[in-house]
Amino acid sequence: MRASPQLKAKILDAMKMSGRSLSEEAELRLDWSFAAEEEWGSAEIRRMAFILAGAFDQWGRAAAIMNGHPDWTPAQWVADPDCYGAASRAVVETLYSNLPTNDPDLRRQFLANLIVRIESIRQNEDGARHGTAGFIERIEPAKAPKVER
């Protein structure tokens, strides 16, 4: 198997640190990459999770800087409502920009479904807060209005 000089250098460094042979280190690293894919369910889901996490991080950090806190760690800006809000909006915008269609009706339907879900969350704000399981039970599949054609 051929590898770029940069990748080979990384494997050699890891090999020296671990005490494994070059072959063992390369095999382990390949196994890890396949295990990571399996954990996410597919390469596509993993890719999208990284895109969304990147948007969340980038915009959360940018909001911290714009609010006068360039030195904040992720733990600090995630705890700040303004920064968290900016990061969350970036995730929604990223989902929208990565929709697998340019059909305007389907794009409007996506937004309509999102509005229905947000309204459902708002309606449940008055009730007791629940963990993720309770949240999922409260949110029904979006029943967005039909898009007029």
C-alpha atoms as a PDB file:
ATOM      1  CA  MET A   1       0.000   0.000   0.000  1.00  0.00           C
ATOM      2  CA  ARG A   2       1.317   3.416  -0.914  1.00  0.00           C
ATOM      3  CA  ALA A   3       0.803   6.447   1.306  1.00  0.00           C
ATOM      4  CA  SER A   4       1.703  10.115   1.098  1.00  0.00           C
ATOM      5  CA  PRO A   5       4.882  11.131   2.924  1.00  0.00           C
ATOM      6  CA  GLN A   6       2.768  13.094   5.435  1.00  0.00           C
ATOM      7  CA  LEU A   7       0.572  10.097   6.279  1.00  0.00           C
ATOM      8  CA  LYS A   8       3.536   7.773   6.492  1.00  0.00           C
ATOM      9  CA  ALA A   9       5.248  10.200   8.897  1.00  0.00           C
ATOM     10  CA  LYS A  10       2.146  10.252  11.114  1.00  0.00           C
ATOM     11  CA  ILE A  11       2.010   6.454  11.175  1.00  0.00           C
ATOM     12  CA  LEU A  12       5.744   6.238  11.937  1.00  0.00           C
ATOM     13  CA  ASP A  13       5.354   8.720  14.818  1.00  0.00           C
ATOM     14  CA  ALA A  14       2.400   6.752  16.207  1.00  0.00           C
ATOM     15  CA  MET A  15       4.339   3.510  15.783  1.00  0.00           C
ATOM     16  CA  LYS A  16       7.278   4.874  17.794  1.00  0.00           C
ATOM     17  CA  MET A  17       4.962   6.094  20.576  1.00  0.00           C
ATOM     18  CA  SER A  18       3.024   2.822  20.803  1.00  0.00           C
ATOM     19  CA  GLY A  19       5.809   0.313  20.319  1.00  0.00           C
ATOM     20  CA  ARG A  20       3.878  -1.447  17.553  1.00  0.00           C
ATOM     21  CA  SER A  21       5.295  -2.361  14.165  1.00  0.00           C
ATOM     22  CA  LEU A  22       4.475  -0.194  11.142  1.00  0.00           C
ATOM     23  CA  SER A  23       2.107  -2.871   9.886  1.00  0.00           C
ATOM     24  CA  GLU A  24       0.361  -3.226  13.255  1.00  0.00           C
ATOM     25  CA  GLU A  25      -0.030   0.534  13.621  1.00  0.00           C
ATOM     26  CA  ALA A  26      -1.439   0.946  10.099  1.00  0.00           C
ATOM     27  CA  GLU A  27      -3.867  -1.953  10.653  1.00  0.00           C
ATOM     28  CA  LEU A  28      -5.019  -0.513  13.984  1.00  0.00           C
ATOM     29  CA  ARG A  29      -5.574   2.932  12.459  1.00  0.00           C
ATOM     30  CA  LEU A  30      -7.581   1.431   9.602  1.00  0.00           C
ATOM     31  CA  ASP A  31      -9.647  -0.604  12.061  1.00  0.00           C
ATOM     32  CA  TRP A  32     -10.383   2.582  14.034  1.00  0.00           C
ATOM     33  CA  SER A  33     -11.613   4.371  10.922  1.00  0.00           C
ATOM     34  CA  PHE A  34     -14.014   1.538  10.106  1.00  0.00           C
ATOM     35  CA  ALA A  35     -15.169   1.330  13.735  1.00  0.00           C
ATOM     36  CA  ALA A  36     -15.885   5.074  13.711  1.00  0.00           C
ATOM     37  CA  GLU A  37     -18.005   4.652  10.574  1.00  0.00           C
ATOM     38  CA  GLU A  38     -19.907   1.781  12.177  1.00  0.00           C
ATOM     39  CA  GLU A  39     -20.528   3.846  15.332  1.00  0.00           C
ATOM     40  CA  TRP A  40     -22.180   6.566  13.269  1.00  0.00           C
ATOM     41  CA  GLY A  41     -24.117   4.095  11.149  1.00  0.00           C
ATOM     42  CA  SER A  42     -22.565   5.213   7.879  1.00  0.00           C
ATOM     43  CA  ALA A  43     -19.890   7.407   6.400  1.00  0.00           C
ATOM     44  CA  GLU A  44     -22.583   9.877   5.283  1.00  0.00           C
ATOM     45  CA  ILE A  45     -23.984  10.319   8.809  1.00  0.00           C
ATOM     46  CA  ARG A  46     -20.483  10.739  10.215  1.00  0.00           C
ATOM     47  CA  ARG A  47     -19.650  13.313   7.540  1.00  0.00           C
ATOM     48  CA  MET A  48     -22.819  15.291   8.264  1.00  0.00           C
ATOM     49  CA  ALA A  49     -22.187  15.151  12.021  1.00  0.00           C
ATOM     50  CA  PHE A  50     -18.718  16.627  11.480  1.00  0.00           C
ATOM     51  CA  ILE A  51     -20.123  19.358   9.220  1.00  0.00           C
ATOM     52  CA  LEU A  52     -22.752  20.286  11.820  1.00  0.00           C
ATOM     53  CA  ALA A  53     -20.248  20.164  14.681  1.00  0.00           C
ATOM     54  CA  GLY A  54     -17.893  22.385  12.676  1.00  0.00           C
ATOM     55  CA  ALA A  55     -20.646  24.956  12.048  1.00  0.00           C
ATOM     56  CA  PHE A  56     -21.623  24.895  15.728  1.00  0.00           C
ATOM     57  CA  ASP A  57     -18.020  25.402  16.830  1.00  0.00           C
ATOM     58  CA  GLN A  58     -17.139  28.055  14.263  1.00  0.00           C
ATOM     59  CA  TRP A  59     -20.158  30.266  14.935  1.00  0.00           C
ATOM     60  CA  GLY A  60     -20.078  29.760  18.702  1.00  0.00           C
ATOM     61  CA  ARG A  61     -16.433  30.860  18.801  1.00  0.00           C
ATOM     62  CA  ALA A  62     -17.185  33.783  16.462  1.00  0.00           C
ATOM     63  CA  ALA A  63     -20.018  34.930  18.744  1.00  0.00           C
ATOM     64  CA  ALA A  64     -17.710  34.753  21.766  1.00  0.00           C
ATOM     65  CA  ILE A  65     -15.156  36.912  19.957  1.00  0.00           C
ATOM     66  CA  MET A  66     -17.813  39.404  18.833  1.00  0.00           C
ATOM     67  CA  ASN A  67     -19.101  39.595  22.427  1.00  0.00           C
ATOM     68  CA  GLY A  68     -15.620  40.510  23.662  1.00  0.00           C
ATOM     69  CA  HIS A  69     -14.464  37.079  24.835  1.00  0.00           C
ATOM     70  CA  PRO A  70     -11.802  35.892  22.365  1.00  0.00           C
ATOM     71  CA  ASP A  71     -10.187  33.756  25.070  1.00  0.00           C
ATOM     72  CA  TRP A  72     -13.282  31.706  25.948  1.00  0.00           C
ATOM     73  CA  THR A  73     -13.023  27.940  25.713  1.00  0.00           C
ATOM     74  CA  PRO A  74     -15.836  25.913  24.134  1.00  0.00           C
ATOM     75  CA  ALA A  75     -17.084  25.039  27.630  1.00  0.00           C
ATOM     76  CA  GLN A  76     -17.440  28.763  28.355  1.00  0.00           C
ATOM     77  CA  TRP A  77     -19.157  29.869  25.154  1.00  0.00           C
ATOM     78  CA  VAL A  78     -21.491  26.852  25.113  1.00  0.00           C
ATOM     79  CA  ALA A  79     -22.702  28.012  28.543  1.00  0.00           C
ATOM     80  CA  ASP A  80     -23.422  31.517  27.203  1.00  0.00           C
ATOM     81  CA  PRO A  81     -26.962  31.909  25.754  1.00  0.00           C
ATOM     82  CA  ASP A  82     -25.893  34.359  22.999  1.00  0.00           C
ATOM     83  CA  CYS A  83     -23.029  32.183  21.793  1.00  0.00           C
ATOM     84  CA  TYR A  84     -25.073  28.998  22.036  1.00  0.00           C
ATOM     85  CA  GLY A  85     -27.868  30.663  20.074  1.00  0.00           C
ATOM     86  CA  ALA A  86     -25.498  31.761  17.315  1.00  0.00           C
ATOM     87  CA  ALA A  87     -24.031  28.257  17.129  1.00  0.00           C
ATOM     88  CA  SER A  88     -27.491  26.664  16.999  1.00  0.00           C
ATOM     89  CA  ARG A  89     -28.664  28.973  14.215  1.00  0.00           C
ATOM     90  CA  ALA A  90     -25.548  28.015  12.255  1.00  0.00           C
ATOM     91  CA  VAL A  91     -26.476  24.333  12.572  1.00  0.00           C
ATOM     92  CA  VAL A  92     -29.986  24.978  11.213  1.00  0.00           C
ATOM     93  CA  GLU A  93     -28.593  27.077   8.355  1.00  0.00           C
ATOM     94  CA  THR A  94     -26.068  24.334   7.580  1.00  0.00           C
ATOM     95  CA  LEU A  95     -28.803  21.697   7.496  1.00  0.00           C
ATOM     96  CA  TYR A  96     -30.808  23.895   5.147  1.00  0.00           C
ATOM     97  CA  SER A  97     -27.856  24.661   2.877  1.00  0.00           C
ATOM     98  CA  ASN A  98     -27.051  20.936   2.625  1.00  0.00           C
ATOM     99  CA  LEU A  99     -30.557  19.833   1.667  1.00  0.00           C
ATOM    100  CA  PRO A 100     -30.209  17.238  -1.078  1.00  0.00           C
ATOM    101  CA  THR A 101     -32.596  19.115  -3.362  1.00  0.00           C
ATOM    102  CA  ASN A 102     -32.993  22.450  -5.082  1.00  0.00           C
ATOM    103  CA  ASP A 103     -36.749  21.965  -5.466  1.00  0.00           C
ATOM    104  CA  PRO A 104     -38.252  25.132  -3.928  1.00  0.00           C
ATOM    105  CA  ASP A 105     -41.358  23.274  -2.719  1.00  0.00           C
ATOM    106  CA  LEU A 106     -39.303  20.686  -0.849  1.00  0.00           C
ATOM    107  CA  ARG A 107     -37.086  23.397   0.606  1.00  0.00           C
ATOM    108  CA  ARG A 108     -40.174  25.279   1.855  1.00  0.00           C
ATOM    109  CA  GLN A 109     -41.519  22.013   3.275  1.00  0.00           C
ATOM    110  CA  PHE A 110     -38.287  21.549   5.236  1.00  0.00           C
ATOM    111  CA  LEU A 111     -38.708  25.013   6.760  1.00  0.00           C
ATOM    112  CA  ALA A 112     -42.393  24.370   7.494  1.00  0.00           C
ATOM    113  CA  ASN A 113     -41.500  21.126   9.295  1.00  0.00           C
ATOM    114  CA  LEU A 114     -38.868  22.971  11.289  1.00  0.00           C
ATOM    115  CA  ILE A 115     -41.383  25.631  12.340  1.00  0.00           C
ATOM    116  CA  VAL A 116     -43.827  22.931  13.480  1.00  0.00           C
ATOM    117  CA  ARG A 117     -41.118  21.313  15.608  1.00  0.00           C
ATOM    118  CA  ILE A 118     -40.068  24.619  17.127  1.00  0.00           C
ATOM    119  CA  GLU A 119     -43.686  25.435  17.988  1.00  0.00           C
ATOM    120  CA  SER A 120     -44.065  22.002  19.589  1.00  0.00           C
ATOM    121  CA  ILE A 121     -41.012  22.689  21.758  1.00  0.00           C
ATOM    122  CA  ARG A 122     -42.417  26.090  22.754  1.00  0.00           C
ATOM    123  CA  GLN A 123     -45.736  24.539  23.764  1.00  0.00           C
ATOM    124  CA  ASN A 124     -43.913  22.082  25.992  1.00  0.00           C
ATOM    125  CA  GLU A 125     -41.806  24.759  27.704  1.00  0.00           C
ATOM    126  CA  ASP A 126     -44.547  25.238  30.306  1.00  0.00           C
ATOM    127  CA  GLY A 127     -44.421  21.560  31.284  1.00  0.00           C
ATOM    128  CA  ALA A 128     -41.752  19.775  33.249  1.00  0.00           C
ATOM    129  CA  ARG A 129     -38.375  19.472  31.578  1.00  0.00           C
ATOM    130  CA  HIS A 130     -37.411  15.952  30.600  1.00  0.00           C
ATOM    131  CA  GLY A 131     -34.298  14.225  29.359  1.00  0.00           C
ATOM    132  CA  THR A 132     -33.769  13.276  25.740  1.00  0.00           C
ATOM    133  CA  ALA A 133     -36.170  10.333  25.941  1.00  0.00           C
ATOM    134  CA  GLY A 134     -38.963  12.540  27.262  1.00  0.00           C
ATOM    135  CA  PHE A 135     -38.239  15.137  24.608  1.00  0.00           C
ATOM    136  CA  ILE A 136     -38.484  12.583  21.812  1.00  0.00           C
ATOM    137  CA  GLU A 137     -41.751  11.222  23.209  1.00  0.00           C
ATOM    138  CA  ARG A 138     -43.285  14.725  23.275  1.00  0.00           C
ATOM    139  CA  ILE A 139     -42.345  15.632  19.718  1.00  0.00           C
ATOM    140  CA  GLU A 140     -44.548  13.968  17.138  1.00  0.00           C
ATOM    141  CA  PRO A 141     -43.442  13.698  13.535  1.00  0.00           C
ATOM    142  CA  ALA A 142     -43.919  17.124  11.997  1.00  0.00           C
ATOM    143  CA  LYS A 143     -47.373  17.699  10.571  1.00  0.00           C
ATOM    144  CA  ALA A 144     -46.562  20.691   8.464  1.00  0.00           C
ATOM    145  CA  PRO A 145     -49.184  22.248   6.223  1.00  0.00           C
ATOM    146  CA  LYS A 146     -49.175  21.072   2.633  1.00  0.00           C
ATOM    147  CA  VAL A 147     -47.259  23.355   0.321  1.00  0.00           C
ATOM    148  CA  GLU A 148     -49.468  24.988  -2.277  1.00  0.00           C
ATOM    149  CA  ARG A 149     -48.261  24.250  -5.791  1.00  0.00           C
END
